Amino acid sequence: MIKYKPKHLLQSLTLAAGLSCSALSMAAGTLTVSSPQDPGSWDPIDTFLVNWASVATNIYDALIYRGPDLKLQPGLATSWQELDHGKRLRFELRHHVTFHNGEPFNAQAVKFTFDRLLGAEGKKGPQRSNYSVIDHVTVVDDDTVDFFLKKTDPVLLTKLAGYGAMIVPPKYIQEKGDAYFNTHPVGTGPFQFAGYQPKVGIQLKAYPGFWGDKAKLSELNYRFIPEPSTAVAELQAGRVDLVIPLTIPIAMIPTIQASAKLDVVTAKGPAVYALRFNTQSGVTKDVRVRKAMIYGVDRQAIIDSILGGQASAIASFQSPVTFGNDPAMKPLPYDPAKAKQLLKAAGVRPGTQVQIDIRGNNATFNEVAQAVAGYLQMVGLNATIKPYETNVLLDDIIPSGKTGAMFQQSWGGWTFDYDNTAYFMYHTGEKWNPYDSDPQLDKLLESQRSMTDQVKRKAILQSIAHYTADQALEMPLYNINEIFGISKRVKHFIPAPDSRLRLNEVTVE
């Protein structure tokens, strides 16, 4: 039996009804955050977007919390233990916790959350597969739940700290309905919902009944600003206090740093960028052509010139801080002569056209794609770039296998475990893998998913990275830092490597 019991448990706090006026008055000030995208739904089971998590981490709690240091710690569960050789997890729940609508948090709420996630409603969203190892959840008593697993899952505890595992209020959803909950979220977090205008922004306010360290801000507002230059201009004008990653073009960093009122804060994160190949048709069906295109692009020069050194080259589609990364694995070198040699051997004529599909709203990656096209031009390929609206590319073009020779793949890997990337990228039938079906690779991916021996599991994950690199399924580009633009009047801000920002400790002068 493996049991987790934290050395120092947070004591249960008084309910909102019992708070003194002095405690309520502690929250003061408003923080305004720029986010590049409206997730479209605030239901935890409806999303995989980092931009959802950067907001909703303040609204919801999970049984387990993972902070900026990436360590797992108690959330709505005060402790947990593994039983039946890892096939059952028992969680002891925190007392005296209420949802924002006053509804009590208890074991029934946990069971409802996971019955819903694993049921018909969860089937509509992208999160269900992350938790499919859970067979069912049983209420032991009001303060205890058991998770019965179909098989062991070495990453499940990490998954239980995010996204679909956020605990939701049963009575509220049953009375209001799923559609209403999508736009009027209720959780147990430090901030509660105050207002939402689709495509414009969402407003939160401090929840006085929060069980943990209460918010020091009275209001937390998010504005959805998809245009990076506009977001930075609003930061400069003081109408925005914080711009989260995936928004700030590298070229604008010196502009922010030049202001006495602003600063740039970075963290090493999981975000990786690559150009995935269409391996089913066209010239990129030939592995020699794919490797030639990788040899033909100077990725380090792109990092130095376009990304301002705020990234590092990758050999596989994962960050160096990911479990499963092999530090001994090196990217293919820039070798244009080798690229030309491989293209000639593959019978590719000079001037052959290849299309690169990208998300149109990312100015920095647009520059990167232009540079890639330029390098490919120098080895004899005529590369053109086709930008798409992000949702069109993600929900239609890629899943339907309608891309050009290459297409942008950006991934956060929120579990910091290569399985969460590799399985969805390479396993047969997955949404992000429209072209490849490899029984040998499928077997490798499946074999490590229930493996509890982490040394053996890491070796398999590393072998997957080497295998996909040998097949040249993508052109690995870089792991970029999480870059935040911030007003200096914001205090006690800690950048999270995965942009899941809990802002209850933040103050604004």
Protein backbone atom coordinates (compact mmCIF):
# COMPACT_ATOMS: atom_id res chain seq x y z
CA MET A 1 0.00 0.00 0.00
CA ILE A 2 1.31 3.42 -0.96
CA LYS A 3 -0.05 6.29 1.07
CA TYR A 4 0.37 10.02 0.61
CA LYS A 5 -0.05 12.15 3.71
CA PRO A 6 1.28 15.72 3.63
CA LYS A 7 3.41 16.77 6.55
CA HIS A 8 1.50 19.98 7.04
CA LEU A 9 -2.18 19.96 6.14
CA LEU A 10 -3.98 23.24 5.72
CA GLN A 11 -6.54 23.56 8.45
CA SER A 12 -10.16 23.83 7.44
CA LEU A 13 -11.27 27.43 7.28
CA THR A 14 -14.45 29.08 8.42
CA LEU A 15 -17.39 29.21 6.02
CA ALA A 16 -18.29 32.43 4.27
CA ALA A 17 -21.21 33.00 6.61
CA GLY A 18 -18.88 33.14 9.55
CA LEU A 19 -16.31 35.50 8.13
CA SER A 20 -15.78 38.76 9.94
CA CYS A 21 -16.12 42.09 8.17
CA SER A 22 -12.40 42.68 8.61
CA ALA A 23 -11.59 39.48 6.71
CA LEU A 24 -13.95 40.42 3.90
CA SER A 25 -12.39 43.84 3.56
CA MET A 26 -8.89 42.45 3.00
CA ALA A 27 -9.51 41.92 -0.74
CA ALA A 28 -8.82 45.11 -2.65
CA GLY A 29 -7.71 46.11 -6.13
CA THR A 30 -8.38 44.92 -9.65
CA LEU A 31 -6.07 42.95 -11.91
CA THR A 32 -6.74 42.93 -15.66
CA VAL A 33 -5.23 40.12 -17.71
CA SER A 34 -4.97 39.85 -21.49
CA SER A 35 -5.69 36.40 -22.89
CA PRO A 36 -5.51 35.67 -26.64
CA GLN A 37 -8.52 33.38 -26.88
CA ASP A 38 -12.03 32.87 -25.55
CA PRO A 39 -12.26 29.11 -24.85
CA GLY A 40 -15.96 29.22 -25.72
CA SER A 41 -17.02 27.17 -22.70
CA TRP A 42 -16.09 27.28 -19.02
CA ASP A 43 -17.06 23.66 -18.37
CA PRO A 44 -13.92 21.68 -17.33
CA ILE A 45 -14.80 18.73 -19.58
CA ASP A 46 -15.14 20.87 -22.71
CA THR A 47 -11.57 22.04 -23.24
CA PHE A 48 -7.87 21.28 -23.62
CA LEU A 49 -6.88 24.95 -24.03
CA VAL A 50 -4.19 26.59 -21.91
CA ASN A 51 -6.17 29.82 -22.17
CA TRP A 52 -9.04 28.08 -20.36
CA ALA A 53 -6.74 26.90 -17.59
CA SER A 54 -5.14 30.32 -17.05
CA VAL A 55 -8.59 31.63 -16.10
CA ALA A 56 -10.36 28.60 -14.65
CA THR A 57 -7.58 27.64 -12.22
CA ASN A 58 -8.91 30.58 -10.20
CA ILE A 59 -12.53 29.38 -10.37
CA TYR A 60 -12.17 25.64 -9.78
CA ASP A 61 -10.31 23.24 -7.54
CA ALA A 62 -9.39 19.63 -8.15
CA LEU A 63 -8.72 16.94 -5.56
CA ILE A 64 -5.01 17.56 -6.12
CA TYR A 65 -3.27 20.87 -6.77
CA ARG A 66 -0.11 21.34 -8.81
CA GLY A 67 1.54 24.69 -8.25
CA PRO A 68 4.24 26.57 -10.18
CA ASP A 69 6.90 24.24 -8.75
CA LEU A 70 5.05 21.35 -10.49
CA LYS A 71 4.82 19.36 -7.24
CA LEU A 72 1.54 17.65 -6.37
CA GLN A 73 -0.04 18.76 -3.12
CA PRO A 74 -3.42 18.63 -1.39
CA GLY A 75 -6.34 20.37 -3.05
CA LEU A 76 -9.88 19.37 -2.19
CA ALA A 77 -8.40 16.11 -0.96
CA THR A 78 -6.22 16.32 2.15
CA SER A 79 -4.59 12.95 1.52
CA TRP A 80 -4.69 9.93 -0.76
CA GLN A 81 -3.46 6.36 -0.81
CA GLU A 82 -2.99 3.62 -3.39
CA LEU A 83 -4.72 0.34 -2.59
CA ASP A 84 -5.08 -3.03 -4.33
CA HIS A 85 -1.67 -2.77 -6.02
CA GLY A 86 -2.50 0.59 -7.57
CA LYS A 87 -5.93 -0.43 -8.87
CA ARG A 88 -7.79 1.66 -6.29
CA LEU A 89 -7.18 5.22 -5.06
CA ARG A 90 -8.75 6.45 -1.82
CA PHE A 91 -9.10 10.19 -1.21
CA GLU A 92 -9.82 11.81 2.15
CA LEU A 93 -11.68 15.06 1.48
CA ARG A 94 -11.35 18.51 2.95
CA HIS A 95 -14.05 19.59 5.40
CA HIS A 96 -16.10 22.81 5.45
CA VAL A 97 -15.73 23.65 1.76
CA THR A 98 -18.53 25.25 -0.23
CA PHE A 99 -19.08 25.96 -3.89
CA HIS A 100 -19.59 29.59 -4.89
CA ASN A 101 -23.38 29.10 -4.87
CA GLY A 102 -23.30 27.91 -1.26
CA GLU A 103 -23.67 24.24 -2.17
CA PRO A 104 -21.53 21.96 0.04
CA PHE A 105 -18.55 20.11 -1.34
CA ASN A 106 -18.52 16.44 -0.38
CA ALA A 107 -17.95 12.92 -1.67
CA GLN A 108 -21.19 13.04 -3.66
CA ALA A 109 -19.84 16.05 -5.59
CA VAL A 110 -16.70 14.10 -6.47
CA LYS A 111 -18.69 11.12 -7.67
CA PHE A 112 -21.02 13.37 -9.70
CA THR A 113 -18.04 15.09 -11.33
CA PHE A 114 -16.48 11.87 -12.55
CA ASP A 115 -19.76 10.14 -13.45
CA ARG A 116 -20.46 13.17 -15.63
CA LEU A 117 -16.93 13.23 -17.09
CA LEU A 118 -16.99 9.54 -17.94
CA GLY A 119 -20.61 9.59 -19.11
CA ALA A 120 -22.58 11.00 -22.03
CA GLU A 121 -21.77 14.64 -21.30
CA GLY A 122 -18.05 13.98 -21.03
CA LYS A 123 -18.12 12.07 -24.29
CA LYS A 124 -18.90 15.36 -26.08
CA GLY A 125 -15.62 16.94 -24.95
CA PRO A 126 -11.89 16.23 -25.37
CA GLN A 127 -11.04 15.37 -21.75
CA ARG A 128 -12.68 12.00 -21.28
CA SER A 129 -9.81 9.97 -22.78
CA ASN A 130 -7.40 11.40 -20.19
CA TYR A 131 -9.41 9.68 -17.44
CA SER A 132 -10.65 6.55 -19.23
CA VAL A 133 -8.59 4.37 -16.89
CA ILE A 134 -11.13 5.19 -14.13
CA ASP A 135 -13.82 2.50 -14.06
CA HIS A 136 -16.02 4.11 -11.43
CA VAL A 137 -16.00 6.24 -8.29
CA THR A 138 -17.63 5.03 -5.06
CA VAL A 139 -18.67 7.11 -2.05
CA VAL A 140 -17.29 5.54 1.13
CA ASP A 141 -18.73 8.28 3.34
CA ASP A 142 -19.25 12.05 3.04
CA ASP A 143 -15.52 12.65 3.42
CA THR A 144 -14.04 9.68 1.54
CA VAL A 145 -14.15 8.42 -2.05
CA ASP A 146 -12.60 5.45 -3.80
CA PHE A 147 -11.53 5.48 -7.44
CA PHE A 148 -11.58 2.01 -8.96
CA LEU A 149 -9.25 1.73 -11.94
CA LYS A 150 -9.37 -0.58 -14.93
CA LYS A 151 -5.59 -0.69 -14.78
CA THR A 152 -2.79 1.26 -13.17
CA ASP A 153 -1.95 4.66 -14.63
CA PRO A 154 1.35 6.28 -13.58
CA VAL A 155 0.19 9.73 -14.70
CA LEU A 156 -3.33 9.69 -13.25
CA LEU A 157 -2.52 11.68 -10.09
CA THR A 158 -1.06 14.45 -12.24
CA LYS A 159 -4.12 14.36 -14.50
CA LEU A 160 -6.34 14.66 -11.43
CA ALA A 161 -4.75 18.06 -10.80
CA GLY A 162 -6.12 19.64 -13.97
CA TYR A 163 -8.71 20.29 -16.64
CA GLY A 164 -11.49 17.67 -16.69
CA ALA A 165 -10.85 16.67 -13.07
CA MET A 166 -11.97 20.02 -11.65
CA ILE A 167 -14.81 19.36 -9.20
CA VAL A 168 -18.21 20.77 -10.19
CA PRO A 169 -21.43 21.40 -8.21
CA PRO A 170 -24.07 18.66 -8.71
CA LYS A 171 -27.18 20.52 -7.60
CA TYR A 172 -26.31 23.67 -9.57
CA ILE A 173 -25.74 21.75 -12.83
CA GLN A 174 -28.82 19.58 -12.34
CA GLU A 175 -31.00 22.65 -11.77
CA LYS A 176 -29.44 25.01 -14.35
CA GLY A 177 -28.35 22.55 -17.04
CA ASP A 178 -25.08 22.00 -18.86
CA ALA A 179 -25.54 24.84 -21.36
CA TYR A 180 -26.04 27.39 -18.58
CA PHE A 181 -23.04 26.02 -16.68
CA ASN A 182 -20.91 26.51 -19.82
CA THR A 183 -21.33 30.27 -19.53
CA HIS A 184 -21.94 30.65 -15.77
CA PRO A 185 -19.23 28.56 -14.08
CA VAL A 186 -19.32 27.69 -10.38
CA GLY A 187 -16.45 26.09 -8.49
CA THR A 188 -14.76 26.19 -5.09
CA GLY A 189 -11.73 28.33 -6.05
CA PRO A 190 -10.54 31.70 -4.68
CA PHE A 191 -12.46 33.70 -7.30
CA GLN A 192 -16.08 33.37 -8.38
CA PHE A 193 -17.83 34.19 -11.62
CA ALA A 194 -19.15 37.76 -11.99
CA GLY A 195 -19.83 38.21 -15.71
CA TYR A 196 -19.00 36.96 -19.19
CA GLN A 197 -19.17 38.50 -22.65
CA PRO A 198 -18.26 35.97 -25.36
CA LYS A 199 -15.22 37.02 -27.41
CA VAL A 200 -14.80 40.06 -25.12
CA GLY A 201 -13.92 38.96 -21.60
CA ILE A 202 -14.81 37.32 -18.32
CA GLN A 203 -15.02 38.99 -14.92
CA LEU A 204 -14.30 37.32 -11.59
CA LYS A 205 -14.50 38.56 -8.01
CA ALA A 206 -12.97 37.35 -4.78
CA TYR A 207 -14.85 34.50 -3.12
CA PRO A 208 -14.94 35.26 0.62
CA GLY A 209 -15.76 31.63 1.50
CA PHE A 210 -12.66 30.15 -0.11
CA TRP A 211 -11.18 27.35 2.01
CA GLY A 212 -7.53 28.37 1.47
CA ASP A 213 -5.58 31.62 1.37
CA LYS A 214 -8.18 34.13 0.30
CA ALA A 215 -7.74 36.40 -2.68
CA LYS A 216 -5.99 39.67 -1.98
CA LEU A 217 -7.62 41.16 -5.09
CA SER A 218 -11.25 42.17 -5.09
CA GLU A 219 -11.65 41.71 -8.85
CA LEU A 220 -9.88 39.68 -11.53
CA ASN A 221 -10.81 40.54 -15.10
CA TYR A 222 -9.73 38.86 -18.32
CA ARG A 223 -9.90 40.52 -21.71
CA PHE A 224 -9.74 38.40 -24.85
CA ILE A 225 -7.30 40.19 -27.15
CA PRO A 226 -6.23 37.96 -30.06
CA GLU A 227 -3.98 40.53 -31.75
CA PRO A 228 -0.55 40.50 -30.01
CA SER A 229 0.36 44.10 -30.84
CA THR A 230 -2.95 45.27 -29.38
CA ALA A 231 -2.35 43.31 -26.18
CA VAL A 232 1.09 44.87 -25.75
CA ALA A 233 -0.28 48.34 -26.56
CA GLU A 234 -2.94 47.89 -23.86
CA LEU A 235 -0.21 46.82 -21.43
CA GLN A 236 1.80 49.94 -22.27
CA ALA A 237 -1.29 52.12 -21.84
CA GLY A 238 -2.00 50.65 -18.41
CA ARG A 239 -5.37 49.20 -19.40
CA VAL A 240 -3.95 45.69 -18.99
CA ASP A 241 -1.72 44.59 -16.11
CA LEU A 242 -0.60 41.18 -17.31
CA VAL A 243 -0.23 39.60 -20.75
CA ILE A 244 -0.03 35.81 -20.63
CA PRO A 245 2.18 33.63 -22.89
CA LEU A 246 1.43 32.72 -26.51
CA THR A 247 0.58 36.38 -27.06
CA ILE A 248 3.76 38.43 -26.86
CA PRO A 249 5.79 38.51 -30.09
CA ILE A 250 9.50 38.13 -29.36
CA ALA A 251 10.17 41.33 -31.29
CA MET A 252 8.10 43.27 -28.77
CA ILE A 253 10.07 42.13 -25.71
CA PRO A 254 12.62 44.99 -25.97
CA THR A 255 9.73 47.46 -26.21
CA ILE A 256 8.23 46.15 -22.97
CA GLN A 257 11.61 46.07 -21.23
CA ALA A 258 12.30 49.66 -22.29
CA SER A 259 9.39 50.92 -20.21
CA ALA A 260 10.11 51.87 -16.61
CA LYS A 261 6.61 50.72 -15.68
CA LEU A 262 6.73 47.27 -17.30
CA ASP A 263 8.72 44.07 -17.07
CA VAL A 264 9.10 40.70 -18.78
CA VAL A 265 9.00 37.56 -16.66
CA THR A 266 9.82 34.12 -18.07
CA ALA A 267 9.61 30.49 -16.98
CA LYS A 268 10.83 27.27 -18.54
CA GLY A 269 7.69 25.60 -19.78
CA PRO A 270 6.40 22.61 -21.73
CA ALA A 271 5.40 24.42 -24.92
CA VAL A 272 7.00 22.90 -28.02
CA TYR A 273 6.64 23.76 -31.69
CA ALA A 274 7.10 21.57 -34.72
CA LEU A 275 6.02 21.21 -38.33
CA ARG A 276 4.36 17.81 -38.76
CA PHE A 277 4.67 16.10 -42.12
CA ASN A 278 1.94 14.72 -44.32
CA THR A 279 3.40 11.21 -44.56
CA GLN A 280 0.56 9.85 -46.68
CA SER A 281 0.79 11.77 -49.94
CA GLY A 282 3.04 14.07 -51.93
CA VAL A 283 6.81 14.28 -51.73
CA THR A 284 6.80 14.12 -47.92
CA LYS A 285 5.53 10.53 -48.12
CA ASP A 286 9.23 9.64 -48.59
CA VAL A 287 11.21 9.61 -45.31
CA ARG A 288 14.30 10.76 -47.22
CA VAL A 289 12.50 13.94 -48.22
CA ARG A 290 11.32 14.54 -44.67
CA LYS A 291 14.84 14.18 -43.30
CA ALA A 292 16.18 16.39 -46.09
CA MET A 293 13.78 19.16 -45.04
CA ILE A 294 14.96 18.85 -41.43
CA TYR A 295 18.63 19.01 -42.48
CA GLY A 296 17.81 21.99 -44.65
CA VAL A 297 16.60 24.31 -41.87
CA ASP A 298 18.94 26.09 -39.45
CA ARG A 299 16.76 25.97 -36.36
CA GLN A 300 19.35 27.47 -34.03
CA ALA A 301 19.62 30.52 -36.29
CA ILE A 302 15.84 30.89 -36.13
CA ILE A 303 15.96 30.71 -32.31
CA ASP A 304 18.71 33.32 -32.14
CA SER A 305 17.36 35.75 -34.72
CA ILE A 306 13.57 35.48 -34.47
CA LEU A 307 13.03 34.17 -30.94
CA GLY A 308 15.66 36.32 -29.28
CA GLY A 309 17.21 33.31 -27.56
CA GLN A 310 13.97 32.66 -25.65
CA ALA A 311 13.85 29.03 -26.79
CA SER A 312 15.97 25.92 -27.19
CA ALA A 313 16.18 23.48 -30.09
CA ILE A 314 14.48 20.11 -29.56
CA ALA A 315 15.30 16.68 -30.93
CA SER A 316 11.84 15.23 -30.25
CA PHE A 317 8.42 16.79 -29.76
CA GLN A 318 8.82 17.45 -26.04
CA SER A 319 10.37 19.90 -23.62
CA PRO A 320 13.63 19.15 -21.78
CA VAL A 321 11.66 19.28 -18.51
CA THR A 322 9.29 16.51 -19.67
CA PHE A 323 9.42 13.02 -18.17
CA GLY A 324 10.59 10.87 -21.07
CA ASN A 325 13.01 13.34 -22.60
CA ASP A 326 16.42 11.92 -23.48
CA PRO A 327 19.08 14.60 -22.90
CA ALA A 328 21.56 12.58 -24.95
CA MET A 329 19.34 12.84 -28.02
CA LYS A 330 20.49 15.68 -30.27
CA PRO A 331 18.63 17.49 -33.08
CA LEU A 332 19.70 16.73 -36.63
CA PRO A 333 22.31 19.35 -37.59
CA TYR A 334 21.88 22.03 -40.21
CA ASP A 335 23.41 20.46 -43.31
CA PRO A 336 22.09 21.90 -46.61
CA ALA A 337 24.47 19.73 -48.65
CA LYS A 338 23.05 16.62 -47.01
CA ALA A 339 19.54 17.94 -47.65
CA LYS A 340 20.21 18.40 -51.38
CA GLN A 341 21.79 14.95 -51.57
CA LEU A 342 18.72 13.28 -50.02
CA LEU A 343 16.29 15.22 -52.22
CA LYS A 344 18.22 14.19 -55.33
CA ALA A 345 18.26 10.54 -54.20
CA ALA A 346 14.49 10.71 -53.70
CA GLY A 347 14.00 12.06 -57.22
CA VAL A 348 12.61 15.43 -56.10
CA ARG A 349 12.95 18.03 -58.81
CA PRO A 350 14.22 21.54 -57.97
CA GLY A 351 11.32 23.93 -57.54
CA THR A 352 8.92 21.26 -56.25
CA GLN A 353 6.16 22.97 -54.27
CA VAL A 354 5.37 22.21 -50.65
CA GLN A 355 2.67 23.92 -48.59
CA ILE A 356 3.07 24.82 -44.90
CA ASP A 357 -0.21 25.26 -42.95
CA ILE A 358 -0.08 27.45 -39.85
CA ARG A 359 -2.32 29.19 -37.34
CA GLY A 360 -2.83 32.68 -38.63
CA ASN A 361 -3.02 34.49 -35.27
CA ASN A 362 0.54 33.81 -34.08
CA ALA A 363 2.80 36.55 -35.41
CA THR A 364 5.98 34.99 -34.05
CA PHE A 365 5.36 31.58 -35.57
CA ASN A 366 4.43 33.26 -38.84
CA GLU A 367 7.96 34.66 -38.89
CA VAL A 368 9.37 31.24 -38.05
CA ALA A 369 7.40 29.66 -40.90
CA GLN A 370 8.68 32.33 -43.29
CA ALA A 371 12.23 31.52 -42.24
CA VAL A 372 11.63 27.78 -42.70
CA ALA A 373 10.26 28.46 -46.18
CA GLY A 374 13.35 30.52 -46.98
CA TYR A 375 15.71 27.75 -45.92
CA LEU A 376 13.75 25.18 -47.93
CA GLN A 377 13.97 27.47 -50.94
CA MET A 378 17.77 27.36 -50.64
CA VAL A 379 17.81 23.55 -50.94
CA GLY A 380 15.52 23.56 -53.95
CA LEU A 381 11.95 23.40 -52.60
CA ASN A 382 9.36 26.09 -53.30
CA ALA A 383 7.60 26.42 -49.95
CA THR A 384 4.41 28.46 -49.60
CA ILE A 385 2.61 29.32 -46.35
CA LYS A 386 -1.12 29.01 -45.87
CA PRO A 387 -2.51 30.59 -42.68
CA TYR A 388 -5.79 29.37 -41.20
CA GLU A 389 -8.05 30.63 -38.45
CA THR A 390 -6.91 28.59 -35.45
CA ASN A 391 -10.15 26.68 -34.83
CA VAL A 392 -10.49 25.83 -38.53
CA LEU A 393 -6.99 24.35 -38.63
CA LEU A 394 -7.42 22.45 -35.35
CA ASP A 395 -10.98 21.22 -35.78
CA ASP A 396 -11.18 20.62 -39.52
CA ILE A 397 -8.02 20.73 -41.60
CA ILE A 398 -5.74 18.61 -39.38
CA PRO A 399 -8.23 15.99 -38.11
CA SER A 400 -9.59 15.51 -41.64
CA GLY A 401 -6.13 15.02 -43.14
CA LYS A 402 -6.53 17.96 -45.50
CA THR A 403 -3.22 19.68 -44.80
CA GLY A 404 -0.38 20.57 -47.10
CA ALA A 405 3.02 18.89 -46.93
CA MET A 406 3.62 20.33 -43.45
CA PHE A 407 1.41 21.74 -40.73
CA GLN A 408 2.00 23.53 -37.47
CA GLN A 409 1.79 21.49 -34.30
CA SER A 410 2.10 23.32 -31.01
CA TRP A 411 1.65 21.43 -27.77
CA GLY A 412 1.83 22.27 -24.10
CA GLY A 413 2.08 18.82 -22.58
CA TRP A 414 0.32 19.96 -19.37
CA THR A 415 1.18 16.78 -17.47
CA PHE A 416 4.91 17.32 -18.18
CA ASP A 417 4.93 13.68 -19.21
CA TYR A 418 5.78 12.64 -22.78
CA ASP A 419 2.87 10.18 -22.86
CA ASN A 420 0.40 13.07 -22.88
CA THR A 421 2.03 14.34 -26.06
CA ALA A 422 3.18 11.18 -27.80
CA TYR A 423 -0.03 9.17 -27.43
CA PHE A 424 -2.20 11.93 -28.91
CA MET A 425 0.33 12.76 -31.62
CA TYR A 426 1.24 9.27 -32.82
CA HIS A 427 -1.30 6.64 -31.82
CA THR A 428 -3.53 5.32 -34.60
CA GLY A 429 -6.88 7.09 -34.80
CA GLU A 430 -6.09 10.05 -32.56
CA LYS A 431 -7.35 13.48 -33.64
CA TRP A 432 -3.87 14.98 -34.00
CA ASN A 433 -2.55 12.03 -36.01
CA PRO A 434 -4.39 12.15 -39.35
CA TYR A 435 -1.81 10.34 -41.47
CA ASP A 436 0.13 7.67 -39.57
CA SER A 437 -0.82 4.19 -38.40
CA ASP A 438 2.11 2.17 -37.12
CA PRO A 439 1.41 -1.05 -35.15
CA GLN A 440 4.92 -1.08 -33.69
CA LEU A 441 4.58 2.48 -32.46
CA ASP A 442 1.07 1.80 -31.14
CA LYS A 443 2.42 -1.13 -29.13
CA LEU A 444 5.16 1.00 -27.59
CA LEU A 445 2.71 3.76 -26.71
CA GLU A 446 0.25 1.36 -25.12
CA SER A 447 2.86 -0.65 -23.20
CA GLN A 448 4.00 2.20 -20.96
CA ARG A 449 0.54 3.51 -20.04
CA SER A 450 -0.03 1.05 -17.20
CA MET A 451 3.59 0.59 -16.18
CA THR A 452 4.41 1.49 -12.57
CA ASP A 453 8.17 0.96 -12.90
CA GLN A 454 9.15 4.50 -13.81
CA VAL A 455 12.69 3.58 -14.86
CA LYS A 456 11.41 1.09 -17.43
CA ARG A 457 8.63 3.43 -18.45
CA LYS A 458 11.04 6.29 -19.06
CA ALA A 459 13.19 4.03 -21.23
CA ILE A 460 10.15 3.17 -23.39
CA LEU A 461 9.18 6.83 -23.72
CA GLN A 462 12.72 7.65 -24.80
CA SER A 463 12.61 4.82 -27.35
CA ILE A 464 9.38 6.33 -28.73
CA ALA A 465 11.16 9.66 -29.15
CA HIS A 466 14.03 7.99 -31.02
CA TYR A 467 11.63 5.95 -33.17
CA THR A 468 9.55 8.94 -34.28
CA ALA A 469 12.71 10.94 -34.96
CA ASP A 470 14.06 8.12 -37.10
CA GLN A 471 10.78 8.09 -39.04
CA ALA A 472 10.96 11.92 -39.24
CA LEU A 473 7.25 12.32 -38.48
CA GLU A 474 7.80 16.01 -37.85
CA MET A 475 10.42 18.70 -38.05
CA PRO A 476 11.09 19.43 -34.36
CA LEU A 477 11.67 23.14 -33.94
CA TYR A 478 11.96 24.47 -30.40
CA ASN A 479 10.82 24.60 -26.80
CA ILE A 480 9.92 28.21 -26.05
CA ASN A 481 9.94 29.93 -22.68
CA GLU A 482 6.69 31.01 -21.08
CA ILE A 483 6.89 34.80 -21.53
CA PHE A 484 4.72 37.15 -19.47
CA GLY A 485 4.48 40.90 -19.93
CA ILE A 486 3.60 42.53 -16.62
CA SER A 487 3.09 45.91 -15.02
CA LYS A 488 5.49 46.63 -12.19
CA ARG A 489 2.55 47.63 -10.02
CA VAL A 490 1.64 43.93 -9.86
CA LYS A 491 3.26 42.27 -6.85
CA HIS A 492 3.73 38.65 -5.69
CA PHE A 493 3.19 37.23 -9.17
CA ILE A 494 4.78 33.82 -9.75
CA PRO A 495 4.98 32.69 -13.39
CA ALA A 496 3.65 29.16 -13.85
CA PRO A 497 5.49 26.94 -16.36
CA ASP A 498 2.14 25.77 -17.75
CA SER A 499 0.32 29.16 -17.54
CA ARG A 500 -2.15 27.71 -15.03
CA LEU A 501 -2.11 30.82 -12.92
CA ARG A 502 -3.66 30.91 -9.45
CA LEU A 503 -3.69 34.59 -8.57
CA ASN A 504 -5.05 34.72 -5.02
CA GLU A 505 -1.67 35.91 -3.64
CA VAL A 506 -1.27 38.71 -6.19
CA THR A 507 -1.71 42.36 -5.22
CA VAL A 508 -1.85 45.54 -7.30
CA GLU A 509 -0.38 48.81 -6.06
